[in-house]
């Protein structure tokens, strides 16, 4: 946080995040949720962050 360049980039990122909207889908059925999560990851191309590997 001491670098001026970092502070500028951090502030820009914060402003960008503030401009985003959030939505959610409530899914009560565990089986539907199990299928819906990877479907969304593929549809929205977020597999980089959502691997769904078992632990």
PDB file of N, CA and C in Angstrom:
ATOM      1  N   UNK A   1       0.814  -1.193   0.000  1.00  0.00           N
ATOM      2  CA  UNK A   1       0.000   0.000   0.000  1.00  0.00           C
ATOM      3  C   UNK A   1       0.865   1.269   0.000  1.00  0.00           C
ATOM      4  N   UNK A   2       2.165   1.123   0.058  1.00  0.00           N
ATOM      5  CA  UNK A   2       3.024   2.305   0.056  1.00  0.00           C
ATOM      6  C   UNK A   2       3.302   2.814  -1.360  1.00  0.00           C
ATOM      7  N   UNK A   3       3.175   1.964  -2.354  1.00  0.00           N
ATOM      8  CA  UNK A   3       3.444   2.337  -3.736  1.00  0.00           C
ATOM      9  C   UNK A   3       2.293   3.180  -4.289  1.00  0.00           C
ATOM     10  N   UNK A   4       2.609   4.300  -4.889  1.00  0.00           N
ATOM     11  CA  UNK A   4       1.580   5.153  -5.475  1.00  0.00           C
ATOM     12  C   UNK A   4       0.861   4.446  -6.630  1.00  0.00           C
ATOM     13  N   UNK A   5       1.616   3.714  -7.421  1.00  0.00           N
ATOM     14  CA  UNK A   5       0.999   2.981  -8.536  1.00  0.00           C
ATOM     15  C   UNK A   5       0.002   1.956  -8.016  1.00  0.00           C
ATOM     16  N   UNK A   6       0.387   1.256  -6.945  1.00  0.00           N
ATOM     17  CA  UNK A   6      -0.520   0.276  -6.350  1.00  0.00           C
ATOM     18  C   UNK A   6      -1.775   0.961  -5.829  1.00  0.00           C
ATOM     19  N   UNK A   7      -1.602   2.080  -5.128  1.00  0.00           N
ATOM     20  CA  UNK A   7      -2.755   2.795  -4.584  1.00  0.00           C
ATOM     21  C   UNK A   7      -3.722   3.206  -5.687  1.00  0.00           C
ATOM     22  N   UNK A   8      -3.198   3.669  -6.796  1.00  0.00           N
ATOM     23  CA  UNK A   8      -4.046   4.081  -7.915  1.00  0.00           C
ATOM     24  C   UNK A   8      -4.804   2.897  -8.503  1.00  0.00           C
ATOM     25  N   UNK A   9      -4.086   1.793  -8.722  1.00  0.00           N
ATOM     26  CA  UNK A   9      -4.728   0.596  -9.277  1.00  0.00           C
ATOM     27  C   UNK A   9      -5.765   0.026  -8.311  1.00  0.00           C
ATOM     28  N   UNK A  10      -5.441   0.039  -7.029  1.00  0.00           N
ATOM     29  CA  UNK A  10      -6.355  -0.475  -6.003  1.00  0.00           C
ATOM     30  C   UNK A  10      -7.627   0.373  -5.954  1.00  0.00           C
ATOM     31  N   UNK A  11      -7.470   1.684  -5.994  1.00  0.00           N
ATOM     32  CA  UNK A  11      -8.628   2.585  -5.976  1.00  0.00           C
ATOM     33  C   UNK A  11      -9.489   2.378  -7.214  1.00  0.00           C
ATOM     34  N   UNK A  12      -8.855   2.193  -8.370  1.00  0.00           N
ATOM     35  CA  UNK A  12      -9.612   1.959  -9.602  1.00  0.00           C
ATOM     36  C   UNK A  12     -10.385   0.644  -9.506  1.00  0.00           C
ATOM     37  N   UNK A  13      -9.760  -0.376  -8.953  1.00  0.00           N
ATOM     38  CA  UNK A  13     -10.431  -1.673  -8.804  1.00  0.00           C
ATOM     39  C   UNK A  13     -11.614  -1.560  -7.849  1.00  0.00           C
ATOM     40  N   UNK A  14     -11.447  -0.819  -6.765  1.00  0.00           N
ATOM     41  CA  UNK A  14     -12.549  -0.622  -5.816  1.00  0.00           C
ATOM     42  C   UNK A  14     -13.722   0.085  -6.483  1.00  0.00           C
ATOM     43  N   UNK A  15     -13.450   1.096  -7.268  1.00  0.00           N
ATOM     44  CA  UNK A  15     -14.518   1.814  -7.961  1.00  0.00           C
ATOM     45  C   UNK A  15     -15.238   0.903  -8.951  1.00  0.00           C
ATOM     46  N   UNK A  16     -14.474   0.089  -9.649  1.00  0.00           N
ATOM     47  CA  UNK A  16     -15.080  -0.855 -10.587  1.00  0.00           C
ATOM     48  C   UNK A  16     -15.998  -1.823  -9.843  1.00  0.00           C
ATOM     49  N   UNK A  17     -15.534  -2.372  -8.729  1.00  0.00           N
ATOM     50  CA  UNK A  17     -16.355  -3.317  -7.967  1.00  0.00           C
ATOM     51  C   UNK A  17     -17.625  -2.657  -7.438  1.00  0.00           C
ATOM     52  N   UNK A  18     -17.541  -1.407  -7.060  1.00  0.00           N
ATOM     53  CA  UNK A  18     -18.731  -0.695  -6.578  1.00  0.00           C
ATOM     54  C   UNK A  18     -19.778  -0.533  -7.671  1.00  0.00           C
ATOM     55  N   UNK A  19     -19.350  -0.535  -8.921  1.00  0.00           N
ATOM     56  CA  UNK A  19     -20.282  -0.323 -10.025  1.00  0.00           C
ATOM     57  C   UNK A  19     -21.017  -1.601 -10.435  1.00  0.00           C
ATOM     58  N   UNK A  20     -20.588  -2.744  -9.922  1.00  0.00           N
ATOM     59  CA  UNK A  20     -21.191  -4.016 -10.314  1.00  0.00           C
ATOM     60  C   UNK A  20     -22.486  -4.283  -9.562  1.00  0.00           C
ATOM     61  N   UNK A  21     -23.344  -5.062 -10.174  1.00  0.00           N
ATOM     62  CA  UNK A  21     -24.588  -5.493  -9.535  1.00  0.00           C
ATOM     63  C   UNK A  21     -24.440  -6.955  -9.122  1.00  0.00           C
ATOM     64  N   UNK A  22     -25.225  -7.352  -8.154  1.00  0.00           N
ATOM     65  CA  UNK A  22     -25.186  -8.725  -7.652  1.00  0.00           C
ATOM     66  C   UNK A  22     -26.576  -9.322  -7.758  1.00  0.00           C
ATOM     67  N   UNK A  23     -26.623 -10.572  -8.140  1.00  0.00           N
ATOM     68  CA  UNK A  23     -27.884 -11.293  -8.172  1.00  0.00           C
ATOM     69  C   UNK A  23     -27.678 -12.698  -7.623  1.00  0.00           C
ATOM     70  N   UNK A  24     -28.737 -13.336  -7.260  1.00  0.00           N
ATOM     71  CA  UNK A  24     -28.619 -14.706  -6.777  1.00  0.00           C
ATOM     72  C   UNK A  24     -29.860 -15.499  -7.151  1.00  0.00           C
ATOM     73  N   UNK A  25     -29.689 -16.806  -7.136  1.00  0.00           N
ATOM     74  CA  UNK A  25     -30.788 -17.726  -7.403  1.00  0.00           C
ATOM     75  C   UNK A  25     -30.844 -18.681  -6.215  1.00  0.00           C
ATOM     76  N   UNK A  26     -31.979 -18.715  -5.546  1.00  0.00           N
ATOM     77  CA  UNK A  26     -32.148 -19.631  -4.419  1.00  0.00           C
ATOM     78  C   UNK A  26     -32.591 -20.982  -4.961  1.00  0.00           C
ATOM     79  N   UNK A  27     -31.804 -22.006  -4.679  1.00  0.00           N
ATOM     80  CA  UNK A  27     -32.116 -23.362  -5.133  1.00  0.00           C
ATOM     81  C   UNK A  27     -32.151 -24.255  -3.902  1.00  0.00           C
ATOM     82  N   UNK A  28     -33.325 -24.759  -3.578  1.00  0.00           N
ATOM     83  CA  UNK A  28     -33.493 -25.586  -2.389  1.00  0.00           C
ATOM     84  C   UNK A  28     -33.154 -27.051  -2.622  1.00  0.00           C
ATOM     85  N   UNK A  29     -33.268 -27.511  -3.853  1.00  0.00           N
ATOM     86  CA  UNK A  29     -33.021 -28.912  -4.158  1.00  0.00           C
ATOM     87  C   UNK A  29     -31.517 -29.135  -4.377  1.00  0.00           C
ATOM     88  N   UNK A  30     -30.869 -29.949  -3.544  1.00  0.00           N
ATOM     89  CA  UNK A  30     -29.427 -30.161  -3.661  1.00  0.00           C
ATOM     90  C   UNK A  30     -29.007 -30.747  -5.015  1.00  0.00           C
ATOM     91  N   UNK A  31     -29.822 -31.591  -5.600  1.00  0.00           N
ATOM     92  CA  UNK A  31     -29.473 -32.188  -6.891  1.00  0.00           C
ATOM     93  C   UNK A  31     -29.502 -31.128  -7.997  1.00  0.00           C
ATOM     94  N   UNK A  32     -30.502 -30.273  -7.983  1.00  0.00           N
ATOM     95  CA  UNK A  32     -30.582 -29.196  -8.974  1.00  0.00           C
ATOM     96  C   UNK A  32     -29.390 -28.251  -8.794  1.00  0.00           C
ATOM     97  N   UNK A  33     -29.052 -27.933  -7.566  1.00  0.00           N
ATOM     98  CA  UNK A  33     -27.907 -27.070  -7.289  1.00  0.00           C
ATOM     99  C   UNK A  33     -26.617 -27.712  -7.792  1.00  0.00           C
ATOM    100  N   UNK A  34     -26.478 -29.013  -7.595  1.00  0.00           N
ATOM    101  CA  UNK A  34     -25.295 -29.765  -8.029  1.00  0.00           C
ATOM    102  C   UNK A  34     -25.091 -29.635  -9.536  1.00  0.00           C
ATOM    103  N   UNK A  35     -26.166 -29.633 -10.292  1.00  0.00           N
ATOM    104  CA  UNK A  35     -26.085 -29.523 -11.755  1.00  0.00           C
ATOM    105  C   UNK A  35     -25.992 -28.056 -12.188  1.00  0.00           C
ATOM    106  N   UNK A  36     -26.673 -27.185 -11.466  1.00  0.00           N
ATOM    107  CA  UNK A  36     -26.729 -25.773 -11.851  1.00  0.00           C
ATOM    108  C   UNK A  36     -25.377 -25.065 -11.729  1.00  0.00           C
ATOM    109  N   UNK A  37     -24.609 -25.385 -10.691  1.00  0.00           N
ATOM    110  CA  UNK A  37     -23.332 -24.708 -10.474  1.00  0.00           C
ATOM    111  C   UNK A  37     -22.351 -24.918 -11.631  1.00  0.00           C
ATOM    112  N   UNK A  38     -22.090 -26.159 -12.067  1.00  0.00           N
ATOM    113  CA  UNK A  38     -21.174 -26.307 -13.206  1.00  0.00           C
ATOM    114  C   UNK A  38     -21.760 -25.767 -14.507  1.00  0.00           C
ATOM    115  N   UNK A  39     -23.075 -25.838 -14.669  1.00  0.00           N
ATOM    116  CA  UNK A  39     -23.701 -25.255 -15.853  1.00  0.00           C
ATOM    117  C   UNK A  39     -23.386 -23.760 -15.924  1.00  0.00           C
ATOM    118  N   UNK A  40     -23.548 -23.055 -14.812  1.00  0.00           N
ATOM    119  CA  UNK A  40     -23.263 -21.618 -14.781  1.00  0.00           C
ATOM    120  C   UNK A  40     -21.787 -21.349 -15.051  1.00  0.00           C
ATOM    121  N   UNK A  41     -20.915 -22.165 -14.488  1.00  0.00           N
ATOM    122  CA  UNK A  41     -19.478 -21.975 -14.715  1.00  0.00           C
ATOM    123  C   UNK A  41     -19.143 -22.113 -16.190  1.00  0.00           C
ATOM    124  N   UNK A  42     -19.785 -23.049 -16.868  1.00  0.00           N
ATOM    125  CA  UNK A  42     -19.535 -23.222 -18.302  1.00  0.00           C
ATOM    126  C   UNK A  42     -20.189 -22.102 -19.094  1.00  0.00           C
ATOM    127  N   UNK A  43     -21.417 -21.762 -18.757  1.00  0.00           N
ATOM    128  CA  UNK A  43     -22.161 -20.740 -19.496  1.00  0.00           C
ATOM    129  C   UNK A  43     -21.487 -19.366 -19.403  1.00  0.00           C
ATOM    130  N   UNK A  44     -20.992 -19.038 -18.208  1.00  0.00           N
ATOM    131  CA  UNK A  44     -20.381 -17.725 -17.992  1.00  0.00           C
ATOM    132  C   UNK A  44     -18.860 -17.760 -18.084  1.00  0.00           C
ATOM    133  N   UNK A  45     -18.334 -18.910 -18.494  1.00  0.00           N
ATOM    134  CA  UNK A  45     -16.892 -19.091 -18.704  1.00  0.00           C
ATOM    135  C   UNK A  45     -16.077 -18.674 -17.483  1.00  0.00           C
ATOM    136  N   UNK A  46     -16.461 -19.216 -16.333  1.00  0.00           N
ATOM    137  CA  UNK A  46     -15.745 -18.925 -15.092  1.00  0.00           C
ATOM    138  C   UNK A  46     -14.992 -20.144 -14.567  1.00  0.00           C
ATOM    139  N   UNK A  47     -14.729 -21.102 -15.431  1.00  0.00           N
ATOM    140  CA  UNK A  47     -14.065 -22.336 -15.001  1.00  0.00           C
ATOM    141  C   UNK A  47     -12.685 -22.068 -14.410  1.00  0.00           C
ATOM    142  N   UNK A  48     -12.081 -20.945 -14.775  1.00  0.00           N
ATOM    143  CA  UNK A  48     -10.774 -20.594 -14.204  1.00  0.00           C
ATOM    144  C   UNK A  48     -10.859 -20.494 -12.682  1.00  0.00           C
ATOM    145  N   UNK A  49     -11.989 -20.033 -12.155  1.00  0.00           N
ATOM    146  CA  UNK A  49     -12.166 -19.851 -10.730  1.00  0.00           C
ATOM    147  C   UNK A  49     -13.043 -20.934 -10.093  1.00  0.00           C
ATOM    148  N   UNK A  50     -13.781 -21.682 -10.915  1.00  0.00           N
ATOM    149  CA  UNK A  50     -14.690 -22.719 -10.403  1.00  0.00           C
ATOM    150  C   UNK A  50     -14.295 -24.061 -11.006  1.00  0.00           C
ATOM    151  N   UNK A  51     -13.486 -24.814 -10.294  1.00  0.00           N
ATOM    152  CA  UNK A  51     -13.015 -26.096 -10.837  1.00  0.00           C
ATOM    153  C   UNK A  51     -13.906 -27.258 -10.421  1.00  0.00           C
ATOM    154  N   UNK A  52     -14.607 -27.154  -9.309  1.00  0.00           N
ATOM    155  CA  UNK A  52     -15.485 -28.217  -8.789  1.00  0.00           C
ATOM    156  C   UNK A  52     -14.746 -29.522  -8.535  1.00  0.00           C
ATOM    157  N   UNK A  53     -13.467 -29.418  -8.217  1.00  0.00           N
ATOM    158  CA  UNK A  53     -12.716 -30.611  -7.844  1.00  0.00           C
ATOM    159  C   UNK A  53     -13.153 -31.057  -6.447  1.00  0.00           C
ATOM    160  N   UNK A  54     -13.197 -32.352  -6.246  1.00  0.00           N
ATOM    161  CA  UNK A  54     -13.541 -32.854  -4.905  1.00  0.00           C
ATOM    162  C   UNK A  54     -12.318 -32.731  -4.008  1.00  0.00           C
ATOM    163  N   UNK A  55     -12.567 -32.567  -2.733  1.00  0.00           N
ATOM    164  CA  UNK A  55     -11.464 -32.339  -1.777  1.00  0.00           C
ATOM    165  C   UNK A  55     -11.191 -33.577  -0.978  1.00  0.00           C
TER     166      UNK A  55
END
